[in-house]
């Protein structure tokens, strides 16, 4: 299953004479709420593709930086059987189940020029499970800042990080975090920073970010900005847990420990009018965290579907004993919470809410 809408280019005699194995790469953007339908369609199609003459193997991969982005790679004995199959009526019928769950696709084809190990030199391919690495060579557990693809809805990736500062330093840290120039919005051709919202409650800091494209690329881009690096270095002395952002392992360990993934997002139909942002911190039992996140997300989603309600959007972030809800409210988010938005949570103080700017 290699493309949804490809057109055949017949190989020249010279190409046919030197035909070798072909690698096909298909990039897909899966529609919101259609992931399970997409996986079911792929599961059905992959068995059919395996029976196509010339097909060797394929892999399905999900982006670590954006849960809506998927990659399918397939290997073929040569370009000829692939091109013959991709133009066939059987191919068009085979991929029909994907049409209703995929927003966009990009298909790329590459002739395999070299590989490691090299079969031409008699080097066998590795088979079975790889041997366990020596303990000293293994990466430390939990140091990947994005252990799973982050939540993506409406083309926007949402993620947060949280950490604590030493008691008594809260006001100084808040001033440091509020006083810096926003980084440029454009990260690369496909990734863009949209918004950063930063809150504090007591000595806990929560920074929620929104991006389009790949979250990992966006986080690396932000970390490299001089103005951001200066602020991060300035707050280091006040952190309850030490970190060294100049050391790659220390930085990865910190951001992995600080990760606060978005687990649910709900939004209402767009309506005119001003919208303000507010956040609530919910102390929870870690064992009940996922269930409580689902419960609160369900209540928020119900309010978002009520056209008369003030709640315009809600994102629930949860990991361990930390659960945070970031809400967009029509009109002013009044301090007294007359609409009952808190749901037992403690309102966090807004430090800064920034929309990123282009260069």
Protein backbone atom coordinates (compact mmCIF):
# COMPACT_ATOMS: atom_id res chain seq x y z
CA UNK A 1 0.00 0.00 0.00
CA UNK A 2 2.18 2.74 -1.31
CA UNK A 3 0.15 5.64 -2.66
CA UNK A 4 -3.35 6.96 -3.08
CA UNK A 5 -2.95 8.75 -6.37
CA UNK A 6 0.22 7.94 -8.32
CA UNK A 7 0.82 8.03 -12.06
CA UNK A 8 3.11 5.60 -13.81
CA UNK A 9 6.27 6.73 -15.56
CA UNK A 10 7.47 3.92 -17.80
CA UNK A 11 11.12 2.97 -17.21
CA UNK A 12 13.52 3.48 -20.09
CA UNK A 13 15.41 0.48 -21.54
CA UNK A 14 18.53 1.61 -19.68
CA UNK A 15 16.59 1.79 -16.40
CA UNK A 16 15.04 -1.61 -17.01
CA UNK A 17 18.45 -3.09 -17.70
CA UNK A 18 19.89 -1.77 -14.43
CA UNK A 19 16.76 -2.29 -12.37
CA UNK A 20 17.41 -2.89 -8.70
CA UNK A 21 15.45 -2.87 -5.49
CA UNK A 22 13.12 0.08 -4.95
CA UNK A 23 12.19 1.89 -1.73
CA UNK A 24 8.83 3.69 -1.72
CA UNK A 25 8.10 6.25 1.00
CA UNK A 26 4.56 7.46 1.62
CA UNK A 27 3.90 10.36 4.01
CA UNK A 28 0.33 10.63 5.29
CA UNK A 29 -1.59 13.14 7.39
CA UNK A 30 -4.42 11.31 9.17
CA UNK A 31 -7.63 13.21 9.92
CA UNK A 32 -8.63 14.00 13.50
CA UNK A 33 -10.62 11.15 15.06
CA UNK A 34 -9.82 8.79 12.18
CA UNK A 35 -6.70 7.08 13.56
CA UNK A 36 -8.45 3.83 14.47
CA UNK A 37 -10.19 3.71 11.08
CA UNK A 38 -6.82 4.33 9.41
CA UNK A 39 -5.14 1.50 11.35
CA UNK A 40 -7.97 -0.90 10.52
CA UNK A 41 -7.72 0.00 6.83
CA UNK A 42 -3.95 -0.47 6.83
CA UNK A 43 -4.27 -3.82 8.59
CA UNK A 44 -6.59 -5.01 5.83
CA UNK A 45 -4.53 -3.58 2.98
CA UNK A 46 -1.08 -4.72 4.10
CA UNK A 47 -2.00 -8.39 3.77
CA UNK A 48 -3.29 -7.78 0.25
CA UNK A 49 -0.14 -5.88 -0.74
CA UNK A 50 2.05 -8.68 0.59
CA UNK A 51 0.65 -10.93 -2.13
CA UNK A 52 1.53 -8.54 -4.98
CA UNK A 53 4.40 -9.93 -7.13
CA UNK A 54 7.62 -8.02 -6.53
CA UNK A 55 6.68 -6.78 -3.05
CA UNK A 56 9.29 -7.55 -0.37
CA UNK A 57 8.22 -5.77 2.81
CA UNK A 58 6.67 -2.66 4.31
CA UNK A 59 6.62 -0.76 7.59
CA UNK A 60 4.09 1.57 9.20
CA UNK A 61 5.55 4.31 11.44
CA UNK A 62 4.03 7.15 13.46
CA UNK A 63 5.82 10.48 13.90
CA UNK A 64 7.31 11.01 17.33
CA UNK A 65 6.66 14.73 16.98
CA UNK A 66 3.07 14.75 15.64
CA UNK A 67 0.48 12.03 16.23
CA UNK A 68 -1.37 12.83 12.97
CA UNK A 69 1.70 12.23 10.78
CA UNK A 70 2.38 8.68 9.58
CA UNK A 71 4.95 7.09 7.30
CA UNK A 72 4.69 3.90 5.23
CA UNK A 73 7.81 2.52 3.60
CA UNK A 74 7.78 -0.45 1.26
CA UNK A 75 10.54 -2.34 -0.53
CA UNK A 76 10.15 -3.88 -3.99
CA UNK A 77 12.36 -6.19 -6.05
CA UNK A 78 12.56 -3.48 -8.73
CA UNK A 79 10.67 -0.45 -9.98
CA UNK A 80 8.85 -2.40 -12.71
CA UNK A 81 6.50 -4.52 -10.58
CA UNK A 82 5.73 -1.52 -8.36
CA UNK A 83 4.92 0.78 -11.30
CA UNK A 84 2.81 -1.90 -12.94
CA UNK A 85 0.85 -2.47 -9.74
CA UNK A 86 0.39 1.18 -8.75
CA UNK A 87 -1.38 1.99 -12.05
CA UNK A 88 -3.70 -0.98 -11.86
CA UNK A 89 -7.41 -0.96 -11.09
CA UNK A 90 -6.68 -3.46 -8.30
CA UNK A 91 -4.47 -0.88 -6.58
CA UNK A 92 -7.09 1.85 -6.81
CA UNK A 93 -9.73 -0.40 -5.30
CA UNK A 94 -7.34 -1.66 -2.63
CA UNK A 95 -6.61 1.81 -1.20
CA UNK A 96 -10.21 3.08 -1.23
CA UNK A 97 -10.64 2.45 2.55
CA UNK A 98 -7.97 5.10 3.20
CA UNK A 99 -9.70 7.92 1.35
CA UNK A 100 -12.03 8.77 4.22
CA UNK A 101 -9.37 8.98 6.93
CA UNK A 102 -6.34 10.63 5.26
CA UNK A 103 -6.08 14.38 4.65
CA UNK A 104 -2.96 14.48 2.49
CA UNK A 105 -0.30 12.15 1.08
CA UNK A 106 3.14 12.51 -0.46
CA UNK A 107 4.74 9.60 -2.33
CA UNK A 108 8.50 9.34 -2.94
CA UNK A 109 10.45 6.59 -4.76
CA UNK A 110 14.14 5.73 -4.39
CA UNK A 111 16.37 3.12 -5.97
CA UNK A 112 18.45 1.43 -3.28
CA UNK A 113 22.03 2.32 -4.16
CA UNK A 114 23.89 1.03 -1.09
CA UNK A 115 23.02 -0.47 2.25
CA UNK A 116 24.60 -1.72 5.45
CA UNK A 117 25.27 -4.60 5.68
CA UNK A 118 26.13 -4.95 2.00
CA UNK A 119 24.79 -8.16 0.37
CA UNK A 120 27.22 -7.65 -2.56
CA UNK A 121 30.12 -8.22 -0.16
CA UNK A 122 28.54 -11.28 1.38
CA UNK A 123 27.54 -9.49 4.59
CA UNK A 124 24.40 -11.19 5.91
CA UNK A 125 21.41 -9.22 7.01
CA UNK A 126 20.73 -9.22 10.73
CA UNK A 127 17.85 -11.42 11.78
CA UNK A 128 15.99 -11.91 15.03
CA UNK A 129 16.25 -9.71 18.09
CA UNK A 130 19.39 -7.59 18.43
CA UNK A 131 21.76 -8.59 21.19
CA UNK A 132 21.34 -6.63 24.39
CA UNK A 133 23.73 -3.71 24.68
CA UNK A 134 26.16 -3.62 27.60
CA UNK A 135 24.70 -1.82 30.59
CA UNK A 136 27.08 1.12 30.19
CA UNK A 137 26.05 1.57 26.55
CA UNK A 138 22.30 1.56 27.13
CA UNK A 139 20.53 4.92 27.22
CA UNK A 140 19.17 5.91 30.59
CA UNK A 141 15.53 5.02 31.04
CA UNK A 142 13.08 7.81 30.37
CA UNK A 143 15.46 10.31 28.78
CA UNK A 144 13.48 10.76 25.58
CA UNK A 145 11.53 14.02 26.00
CA UNK A 146 8.84 12.71 23.63
CA UNK A 147 8.25 9.09 24.68
CA UNK A 148 5.09 8.93 22.54
CA UNK A 149 3.63 11.01 19.69
CA UNK A 150 2.00 14.11 21.21
CA UNK A 151 -1.67 14.92 20.79
CA UNK A 152 -2.52 16.61 17.50
CA UNK A 153 -6.03 17.94 16.75
CA UNK A 154 -7.06 20.33 14.02
CA UNK A 155 -3.49 20.29 12.73
CA UNK A 156 -2.17 21.71 16.04
CA UNK A 157 0.22 19.76 18.28
CA UNK A 158 -0.20 20.47 22.01
CA UNK A 159 2.30 19.69 24.75
CA UNK A 160 3.39 21.04 28.13
CA UNK A 161 6.30 20.80 30.53
CA UNK A 162 6.19 21.29 34.29
CA UNK A 163 8.77 21.71 37.02
CA UNK A 164 9.04 23.14 40.52
CA UNK A 165 11.20 25.94 41.92
CA UNK A 166 12.48 26.43 45.43
CA UNK A 167 9.91 27.92 47.84
CA UNK A 168 10.43 31.65 48.21
CA UNK A 169 11.78 32.11 44.67
CA UNK A 170 8.39 32.18 42.94
CA UNK A 171 8.18 35.94 42.31
CA UNK A 172 11.72 36.17 40.99
CA UNK A 173 11.20 33.17 38.68
CA UNK A 174 7.92 34.61 37.40
CA UNK A 175 9.64 37.89 36.48
CA UNK A 176 12.41 36.04 34.66
CA UNK A 177 9.97 33.86 32.72
CA UNK A 178 7.82 36.83 31.71
CA UNK A 179 10.67 39.05 30.56
CA UNK A 180 12.10 37.67 27.32
CA UNK A 181 11.61 38.16 23.58
CA UNK A 182 9.44 35.58 21.86
CA UNK A 183 11.33 33.27 19.48
CA UNK A 184 10.65 33.38 15.76
CA UNK A 185 7.57 31.42 14.73
CA UNK A 186 9.02 29.69 11.66
CA UNK A 187 11.04 26.60 12.55
CA UNK A 188 11.36 24.95 9.12
CA UNK A 189 9.28 24.41 5.99
CA UNK A 190 6.66 22.35 7.84
CA UNK A 191 6.89 23.43 11.49
CA UNK A 192 5.76 26.68 13.09
CA UNK A 193 5.38 27.88 16.67
CA UNK A 194 1.89 29.17 17.37
CA UNK A 195 1.53 29.96 21.06
CA UNK A 196 3.20 29.59 24.46
CA UNK A 197 1.20 29.95 27.70
CA UNK A 198 3.05 29.92 31.02
CA UNK A 199 1.42 29.55 34.45
CA UNK A 200 2.45 29.18 38.08
CA UNK A 201 0.67 27.93 41.18
CA UNK A 202 2.75 27.98 44.33
CA UNK A 203 6.17 26.77 43.25
CA UNK A 204 4.95 24.73 40.26
CA UNK A 205 5.54 26.08 36.75
CA UNK A 206 3.60 24.86 33.70
CA UNK A 207 4.49 25.90 30.15
CA UNK A 208 1.97 24.85 27.47
CA UNK A 209 2.96 25.11 23.79
CA UNK A 210 1.09 24.84 20.51
CA UNK A 211 2.81 24.17 17.18
CA UNK A 212 2.04 23.00 13.69
CA UNK A 213 4.32 20.33 12.27
CA UNK A 214 6.85 18.44 14.37
CA UNK A 215 6.97 19.18 18.10
CA UNK A 216 10.49 17.81 18.54
CA UNK A 217 11.83 20.17 15.89
CA UNK A 218 10.00 23.08 17.52
CA UNK A 219 11.39 22.33 20.99
CA UNK A 220 14.93 22.09 19.66
CA UNK A 221 14.46 25.36 17.76
CA UNK A 222 13.27 27.16 20.89
CA UNK A 223 16.08 25.73 23.02
CA UNK A 224 18.68 27.14 20.59
CA UNK A 225 17.37 30.73 20.70
CA UNK A 226 19.76 33.03 22.61
CA UNK A 227 16.97 34.85 24.45
CA UNK A 228 15.44 31.57 25.62
CA UNK A 229 18.79 30.08 26.64
CA UNK A 230 19.54 33.18 28.74
CA UNK A 231 16.24 32.87 30.62
CA UNK A 232 16.67 29.13 31.19
CA UNK A 233 20.17 29.69 32.56
CA UNK A 234 18.88 32.47 34.81
CA UNK A 235 16.27 30.26 36.49
CA UNK A 236 18.62 27.28 36.95
CA UNK A 237 19.68 28.30 40.49
CA UNK A 238 16.04 28.29 41.62
CA UNK A 239 15.04 24.83 40.34
CA UNK A 240 14.35 22.12 42.91
CA UNK A 241 16.02 19.56 40.62
CA UNK A 242 19.39 20.40 39.07
CA UNK A 243 19.88 20.42 35.31
CA UNK A 244 22.62 21.38 32.88
CA UNK A 245 21.17 22.40 29.52
CA UNK A 246 24.66 22.60 28.03
CA UNK A 247 24.93 18.83 28.49
CA UNK A 248 22.77 16.86 26.01
CA UNK A 249 22.05 13.97 28.39
CA UNK A 250 21.15 16.28 31.27
CA UNK A 251 18.88 18.35 29.04
CA UNK A 252 17.11 15.29 27.64
CA UNK A 253 16.65 13.85 31.12
CA UNK A 254 15.17 17.11 32.41
CA UNK A 255 12.69 17.53 29.56
CA UNK A 256 11.67 13.88 29.79
CA UNK A 257 11.04 14.26 33.51
CA UNK A 258 9.22 17.56 32.95
CA UNK A 259 7.02 16.33 30.09
CA UNK A 260 3.30 16.86 30.70
CA UNK A 261 1.53 15.37 27.66
CA UNK A 262 -1.82 16.58 26.37
CA UNK A 263 -4.26 13.69 26.66
CA UNK A 264 -7.54 15.27 25.48
CA UNK A 265 -8.61 18.38 23.58
CA UNK A 266 -12.09 19.70 22.88
CA UNK A 267 -13.17 22.77 20.95
CA UNK A 268 -16.40 24.52 20.05
CA UNK A 269 -17.46 25.84 16.68
CA UNK A 270 -15.72 29.18 16.10
CA UNK A 271 -17.78 32.17 17.18
CA UNK A 272 -16.97 35.88 17.04
CA UNK A 273 -15.76 37.61 20.15
CA UNK A 274 -12.76 37.86 22.42
CA UNK A 275 -11.38 34.72 24.08
CA UNK A 276 -9.22 34.66 27.20
CA UNK A 277 -7.11 31.78 28.54
CA UNK A 278 -7.11 30.33 32.07
CA UNK A 279 -5.54 27.24 33.64
CA UNK A 280 -6.43 25.01 36.61
CA UNK A 281 -4.19 22.64 38.54
CA UNK A 282 -5.85 19.50 39.92
CA UNK A 283 -4.09 17.58 42.73
CA UNK A 284 -4.72 13.89 42.01
CA UNK A 285 -3.75 10.39 43.02
CA UNK A 286 -1.32 9.12 40.30
CA UNK A 287 -3.23 5.84 40.08
CA UNK A 288 -6.42 7.74 39.26
CA UNK A 289 -4.78 10.24 36.93
CA UNK A 290 -5.87 8.84 33.55
CA UNK A 291 -9.44 8.22 34.71
CA UNK A 292 -9.71 11.71 36.20
CA UNK A 293 -8.29 13.23 33.02
CA UNK A 294 -10.95 11.45 30.95
CA UNK A 295 -13.71 12.52 33.37
CA UNK A 296 -12.76 16.19 33.29
CA UNK A 297 -12.20 16.11 29.52
CA UNK A 298 -15.69 14.69 29.06
CA UNK A 299 -17.25 17.49 31.10
CA UNK A 300 -15.29 20.12 29.18
CA UNK A 301 -16.24 18.56 25.83
CA UNK A 302 -19.91 18.67 26.78
CA UNK A 303 -19.65 22.38 27.65
CA UNK A 304 -17.85 23.08 24.37
CA UNK A 305 -20.76 21.59 22.41
CA UNK A 306 -23.23 23.87 24.20
CA UNK A 307 -23.52 26.98 22.00
CA UNK A 308 -24.66 29.02 25.02
CA UNK A 309 -21.67 28.11 27.18
CA UNK A 310 -18.62 30.35 27.61
CA UNK A 311 -16.11 27.50 27.17
CA UNK A 312 -14.58 27.74 23.69
CA UNK A 313 -11.79 25.13 24.01
CA UNK A 314 -10.17 22.92 26.63
CA UNK A 315 -6.98 20.87 26.77
CA UNK A 316 -6.23 18.38 29.55
CA UNK A 317 -2.58 17.66 30.35
CA UNK A 318 -1.77 14.81 32.74
CA UNK A 319 1.16 12.77 33.93
CA UNK A 320 1.54 11.06 37.31
CA UNK A 321 0.09 13.24 40.06
CA UNK A 322 -0.07 16.42 37.94
CA UNK A 323 -3.23 17.27 35.98
CA UNK A 324 -3.65 20.68 34.35
CA UNK A 325 -6.56 22.03 32.30
CA UNK A 326 -5.94 24.96 29.96
CA UNK A 327 -9.21 26.61 28.93
CA UNK A 328 -10.17 29.23 26.35
CA UNK A 329 -13.14 31.21 27.63
CA UNK A 330 -15.33 33.61 25.69
CA UNK A 331 -15.08 37.05 27.18
CA UNK A 332 -13.08 37.70 30.34
CA UNK A 333 -12.03 34.74 32.49
CA UNK A 334 -13.32 36.25 35.72
CA UNK A 335 -11.43 35.54 38.92
CA UNK A 336 -14.55 34.44 40.75
CA UNK A 337 -15.28 31.58 38.30
CA UNK A 338 -19.02 32.30 37.96
CA UNK A 339 -19.35 29.56 35.35
CA UNK A 340 -17.98 26.72 37.47
CA UNK A 341 -15.03 26.06 35.19
CA UNK A 342 -12.63 25.05 37.98
CA UNK A 343 -14.29 21.65 38.63
CA UNK A 344 -12.38 21.37 41.89
CA UNK A 345 -9.09 22.62 40.46
CA UNK A 346 -6.93 25.46 41.73
CA UNK A 347 -6.61 28.44 39.42
CA UNK A 348 -3.05 29.07 38.27
CA UNK A 349 -1.50 32.52 37.92
CA UNK A 350 -0.83 33.59 34.33
CA UNK A 351 2.82 34.55 33.81
CA UNK A 352 2.78 35.09 30.06
CA UNK A 353 0.66 34.11 27.06
CA UNK A 354 2.44 34.73 23.76
CA UNK A 355 1.63 34.28 20.11
CA UNK A 356 4.85 33.61 18.19
CA UNK A 357 5.92 36.03 15.47
CA UNK A 358 7.54 35.50 12.09
CA UNK A 359 10.98 36.83 11.29
